[in-house]
Amino acid sequence: MARNNFWGRSITASGACDDPSRFKHFGPFTPGFPLVPYGDIQALENYLKFDQNVVAVMFEPIQGEGGIIIPPEGYFKQVKQVCQKYNVLMIADEV
């Protein structure tokens, strides 16, 4: 999952983020949601090489919680290619 995300305010969603205001005083959280830098295809591929148990990559096409953050051009196509290479599901969350 991408850093700086916003999936909601449930326990699982809050545990799958890197915003201390959402997880500092809450928990326990659902494990298994590692984060990689948003827009960094190499970081994503490096993680998928490292962990063979990943089932999906989840990201927001445009991140809106911390401002309007748009990934580099071609990022979505690269994510799809990397997901296909490692046989994982690509999940694009709505804005």
N, C-alpha and C. Protein backbone atom coordinates (compact mmCIF):
# COMPACT_ATOMS: atom_id res chain seq x y z
N MET A 1 0.83 -1.16 0.00
CA MET A 1 0.00 0.00 0.00
C MET A 1 0.88 1.24 0.00
N ALA A 2 0.34 2.28 -0.52
CA ALA A 2 1.12 3.51 -0.67
C ALA A 2 1.10 4.36 0.60
N ARG A 3 2.22 4.97 0.90
CA ARG A 3 2.30 5.92 2.01
C ARG A 3 1.38 7.12 1.74
N ASN A 4 1.02 7.83 2.80
CA ASN A 4 0.17 9.03 2.72
C ASN A 4 -1.24 8.72 2.24
N ASN A 5 -1.69 7.50 2.44
CA ASN A 5 -3.02 7.10 1.97
C ASN A 5 -4.10 7.52 2.95
N PHE A 6 -5.34 7.41 2.50
CA PHE A 6 -6.49 7.56 3.38
C PHE A 6 -7.53 6.53 2.95
N TRP A 7 -7.73 5.52 3.78
CA TRP A 7 -8.69 4.47 3.47
C TRP A 7 -9.94 4.59 4.33
N GLY A 8 -9.94 5.50 5.27
CA GLY A 8 -11.08 5.64 6.16
C GLY A 8 -10.62 5.68 7.60
N ARG A 9 -11.56 5.51 8.52
CA ARG A 9 -11.22 5.61 9.94
C ARG A 9 -11.52 4.34 10.73
N SER A 10 -11.73 3.24 10.05
CA SER A 10 -11.92 1.97 10.76
C SER A 10 -10.57 1.53 11.35
N ILE A 11 -10.59 0.53 12.20
CA ILE A 11 -9.35 0.04 12.80
C ILE A 11 -8.40 -0.47 11.72
N THR A 12 -8.88 -1.25 10.78
CA THR A 12 -8.01 -1.77 9.73
C THR A 12 -7.49 -0.64 8.85
N ALA A 13 -8.35 0.27 8.45
CA ALA A 13 -7.91 1.38 7.59
C ALA A 13 -6.90 2.26 8.30
N SER A 14 -7.13 2.54 9.57
CA SER A 14 -6.21 3.40 10.32
C SER A 14 -4.87 2.72 10.53
N GLY A 15 -4.87 1.41 10.69
CA GLY A 15 -3.62 0.67 10.86
C GLY A 15 -2.84 0.53 9.57
N ALA A 16 -3.48 0.82 8.46
CA ALA A 16 -2.82 0.69 7.15
C ALA A 16 -2.39 2.05 6.62
N CYS A 17 -2.08 2.97 7.54
CA CYS A 17 -1.67 4.30 7.12
C CYS A 17 -0.41 4.70 7.88
N ASP A 18 0.15 5.83 7.54
CA ASP A 18 1.33 6.32 8.25
C ASP A 18 1.08 7.69 8.87
N ASP A 19 -0.18 8.00 9.13
CA ASP A 19 -0.55 9.26 9.78
C ASP A 19 -0.72 9.01 11.27
N PRO A 20 0.20 9.51 12.11
CA PRO A 20 0.13 9.25 13.55
C PRO A 20 -1.19 9.68 14.19
N SER A 21 -1.87 10.69 13.64
CA SER A 21 -3.13 11.13 14.24
C SER A 21 -4.21 10.07 14.13
N ARG A 22 -4.05 9.11 13.21
CA ARG A 22 -5.05 8.06 13.05
C ARG A 22 -4.68 6.78 13.79
N PHE A 23 -3.43 6.60 14.17
CA PHE A 23 -3.11 5.33 14.83
C PHE A 23 -2.39 5.45 16.17
N LYS A 24 -2.00 6.64 16.56
CA LYS A 24 -1.20 6.81 17.77
C LYS A 24 -1.90 6.29 19.03
N HIS A 25 -3.18 6.56 19.19
CA HIS A 25 -3.89 6.18 20.41
C HIS A 25 -4.95 5.10 20.17
N PHE A 26 -4.83 4.36 19.09
CA PHE A 26 -5.83 3.36 18.76
C PHE A 26 -5.15 2.01 18.53
N GLY A 27 -5.94 0.99 18.37
CA GLY A 27 -5.42 -0.34 18.08
C GLY A 27 -6.03 -1.34 19.04
N PRO A 28 -5.70 -2.58 18.94
CA PRO A 28 -4.69 -3.13 18.03
C PRO A 28 -5.19 -3.14 16.59
N PHE A 29 -4.25 -3.10 15.68
CA PHE A 29 -4.58 -3.01 14.26
C PHE A 29 -4.44 -4.36 13.56
N THR A 30 -5.11 -4.47 12.44
CA THR A 30 -4.98 -5.64 11.59
C THR A 30 -3.58 -5.63 10.99
N PRO A 31 -2.81 -6.70 11.16
CA PRO A 31 -1.45 -6.73 10.61
C PRO A 31 -1.44 -6.99 9.11
N GLY A 32 -0.30 -6.74 8.49
CA GLY A 32 -0.11 -7.14 7.10
C GLY A 32 -0.32 -6.06 6.07
N PHE A 33 -0.14 -4.80 6.45
CA PHE A 33 -0.31 -3.71 5.50
C PHE A 33 0.98 -2.89 5.41
N PRO A 34 2.01 -3.43 4.77
CA PRO A 34 3.25 -2.66 4.62
C PRO A 34 3.04 -1.49 3.67
N LEU A 35 3.80 -0.43 3.87
CA LEU A 35 3.67 0.78 3.05
C LEU A 35 4.93 1.02 2.23
N VAL A 36 4.72 1.48 1.01
CA VAL A 36 5.83 1.90 0.15
C VAL A 36 5.54 3.33 -0.32
N PRO A 37 6.56 4.08 -0.69
CA PRO A 37 6.33 5.46 -1.14
C PRO A 37 5.41 5.51 -2.37
N TYR A 38 4.46 6.41 -2.34
CA TYR A 38 3.53 6.59 -3.46
C TYR A 38 4.28 7.15 -4.66
N GLY A 39 4.05 6.57 -5.81
CA GLY A 39 4.68 7.05 -7.04
C GLY A 39 6.06 6.47 -7.30
N ASP A 40 6.54 5.60 -6.42
CA ASP A 40 7.89 5.02 -6.55
C ASP A 40 7.77 3.57 -6.99
N ILE A 41 7.78 3.34 -8.27
CA ILE A 41 7.58 2.00 -8.81
C ILE A 41 8.70 1.06 -8.41
N GLN A 42 9.92 1.57 -8.27
CA GLN A 42 11.04 0.72 -7.88
C GLN A 42 10.87 0.22 -6.45
N ALA A 43 10.39 1.08 -5.56
CA ALA A 43 10.14 0.67 -4.17
C ALA A 43 9.07 -0.42 -4.13
N LEU A 44 8.04 -0.27 -4.94
CA LEU A 44 6.98 -1.28 -5.00
C LEU A 44 7.54 -2.61 -5.49
N GLU A 45 8.29 -2.58 -6.58
CA GLU A 45 8.84 -3.83 -7.11
C GLU A 45 9.82 -4.46 -6.13
N ASN A 46 10.63 -3.66 -5.48
CA ASN A 46 11.56 -4.20 -4.49
C ASN A 46 10.82 -4.91 -3.37
N TYR A 47 9.70 -4.33 -2.93
CA TYR A 47 8.93 -4.98 -1.87
C TYR A 47 8.34 -6.30 -2.35
N LEU A 48 7.81 -6.32 -3.56
CA LEU A 48 7.21 -7.55 -4.08
C LEU A 48 8.25 -8.64 -4.28
N LYS A 49 9.47 -8.26 -4.61
CA LYS A 49 10.57 -9.24 -4.69
C LYS A 49 10.86 -9.82 -3.31
N PHE A 50 10.80 -8.97 -2.29
CA PHE A 50 11.14 -9.34 -0.92
C PHE A 50 10.09 -10.23 -0.28
N ASP A 51 8.81 -9.92 -0.49
CA ASP A 51 7.72 -10.63 0.16
C ASP A 51 6.88 -11.37 -0.88
N GLN A 52 7.02 -12.67 -0.92
CA GLN A 52 6.31 -13.49 -1.91
C GLN A 52 4.87 -13.78 -1.49
N ASN A 53 4.42 -13.28 -0.33
CA ASN A 53 3.08 -13.55 0.16
C ASN A 53 2.10 -12.40 -0.06
N VAL A 54 2.48 -11.41 -0.84
CA VAL A 54 1.59 -10.27 -1.11
C VAL A 54 0.48 -10.74 -2.05
N VAL A 55 -0.76 -10.39 -1.73
CA VAL A 55 -1.89 -10.78 -2.58
C VAL A 55 -2.43 -9.61 -3.39
N ALA A 56 -2.16 -8.37 -2.92
CA ALA A 56 -2.70 -7.22 -3.63
C ALA A 56 -1.88 -5.97 -3.34
N VAL A 57 -1.92 -5.05 -4.28
CA VAL A 57 -1.35 -3.72 -4.12
C VAL A 57 -2.52 -2.75 -4.20
N MET A 58 -2.67 -1.94 -3.14
CA MET A 58 -3.80 -1.01 -3.07
C MET A 58 -3.27 0.42 -3.04
N PHE A 59 -3.86 1.28 -3.85
CA PHE A 59 -3.43 2.68 -3.89
C PHE A 59 -4.60 3.55 -4.31
N GLU A 60 -4.46 4.82 -4.06
CA GLU A 60 -5.44 5.80 -4.53
C GLU A 60 -4.88 6.43 -5.80
N PRO A 61 -5.64 6.49 -6.87
CA PRO A 61 -5.12 7.12 -8.09
C PRO A 61 -4.65 8.56 -7.86
N ILE A 62 -5.41 9.31 -7.08
CA ILE A 62 -4.99 10.66 -6.69
C ILE A 62 -5.20 10.74 -5.19
N GLN A 63 -4.13 10.98 -4.45
CA GLN A 63 -4.26 11.07 -3.00
C GLN A 63 -4.80 12.44 -2.63
N GLY A 64 -5.81 12.46 -1.75
CA GLY A 64 -6.45 13.72 -1.44
C GLY A 64 -6.40 14.14 0.02
N GLU A 65 -6.01 13.26 0.92
CA GLU A 65 -6.03 13.58 2.34
C GLU A 65 -5.01 14.66 2.71
N GLY A 66 -3.82 14.61 2.17
CA GLY A 66 -2.77 15.57 2.50
C GLY A 66 -2.55 16.58 1.40
N GLY A 67 -3.57 16.90 0.63
CA GLY A 67 -3.43 17.76 -0.54
C GLY A 67 -3.71 16.92 -1.78
N ILE A 68 -3.59 17.50 -2.91
CA ILE A 68 -3.81 16.76 -4.15
C ILE A 68 -2.46 16.24 -4.62
N ILE A 69 -2.24 14.93 -4.44
CA ILE A 69 -0.97 14.31 -4.80
C ILE A 69 -1.21 13.41 -6.00
N ILE A 70 -0.58 13.75 -7.10
CA ILE A 70 -0.74 13.02 -8.35
C ILE A 70 0.57 12.28 -8.63
N PRO A 71 0.51 11.00 -8.99
CA PRO A 71 1.74 10.25 -9.23
C PRO A 71 2.40 10.64 -10.55
N PRO A 72 3.64 10.21 -10.74
CA PRO A 72 4.32 10.49 -12.01
C PRO A 72 3.56 9.89 -13.20
N GLU A 73 3.71 10.50 -14.34
CA GLU A 73 3.07 9.99 -15.56
C GLU A 73 3.52 8.55 -15.82
N GLY A 74 2.56 7.71 -16.15
CA GLY A 74 2.84 6.30 -16.45
C GLY A 74 2.86 5.39 -15.23
N TYR A 75 2.66 5.96 -14.05
CA TYR A 75 2.75 5.17 -12.81
C TYR A 75 1.72 4.04 -12.78
N PHE A 76 0.48 4.32 -13.13
CA PHE A 76 -0.56 3.29 -13.06
C PHE A 76 -0.26 2.13 -14.00
N LYS A 77 0.21 2.43 -15.17
CA LYS A 77 0.58 1.39 -16.13
C LYS A 77 1.73 0.54 -15.57
N GLN A 78 2.69 1.20 -14.94
CA GLN A 78 3.82 0.48 -14.33
C GLN A 78 3.35 -0.39 -13.16
N VAL A 79 2.44 0.13 -12.35
CA VAL A 79 1.91 -0.67 -11.23
C VAL A 79 1.23 -1.91 -11.78
N LYS A 80 0.44 -1.74 -12.82
CA LYS A 80 -0.25 -2.89 -13.43
C LYS A 80 0.76 -3.92 -13.93
N GLN A 81 1.81 -3.47 -14.59
CA GLN A 81 2.82 -4.39 -15.11
C GLN A 81 3.54 -5.14 -13.98
N VAL A 82 3.89 -4.42 -12.92
CA VAL A 82 4.56 -5.05 -11.79
C VAL A 82 3.63 -6.04 -11.10
N CYS A 83 2.36 -5.68 -10.95
CA CYS A 83 1.39 -6.59 -10.34
C CYS A 83 1.23 -7.86 -11.18
N GLN A 84 1.17 -7.71 -12.48
CA GLN A 84 1.08 -8.89 -13.34
C GLN A 84 2.34 -9.74 -13.23
N LYS A 85 3.49 -9.12 -13.17
CA LYS A 85 4.76 -9.83 -13.07
C LYS A 85 4.82 -10.70 -11.81
N TYR A 86 4.29 -10.17 -10.70
CA TYR A 86 4.35 -10.88 -9.43
C TYR A 86 3.04 -11.56 -9.06
N ASN A 87 2.08 -11.56 -9.99
CA ASN A 87 0.80 -12.24 -9.82
C ASN A 87 0.04 -11.75 -8.58
N VAL A 88 -0.07 -10.44 -8.45
CA VAL A 88 -0.84 -9.86 -7.35
C VAL A 88 -1.96 -8.98 -7.94
N LEU A 89 -3.01 -8.82 -7.18
CA LEU A 89 -4.15 -8.03 -7.59
C LEU A 89 -3.82 -6.54 -7.45
N MET A 90 -4.20 -5.73 -8.41
CA MET A 90 -4.05 -4.28 -8.34
C MET A 90 -5.40 -3.69 -7.96
N ILE A 91 -5.43 -2.93 -6.85
CA ILE A 91 -6.67 -2.30 -6.39
C ILE A 91 -6.47 -0.79 -6.41
N ALA A 92 -7.27 -0.10 -7.22
CA ALA A 92 -7.24 1.36 -7.28
C ALA A 92 -8.46 1.87 -6.53
N ASP A 93 -8.23 2.52 -5.40
CA ASP A 93 -9.30 3.04 -4.55
C ASP A 93 -9.77 4.38 -5.11
N GLU A 94 -11.06 4.68 -4.94
CA GLU A 94 -11.60 5.94 -5.44
C GLU A 94 -11.07 7.11 -4.62
N VAL A 95 -11.21 8.29 -5.17
CA VAL A 95 -10.77 9.51 -4.48
C VAL A 95 -11.94 10.05 -3.71
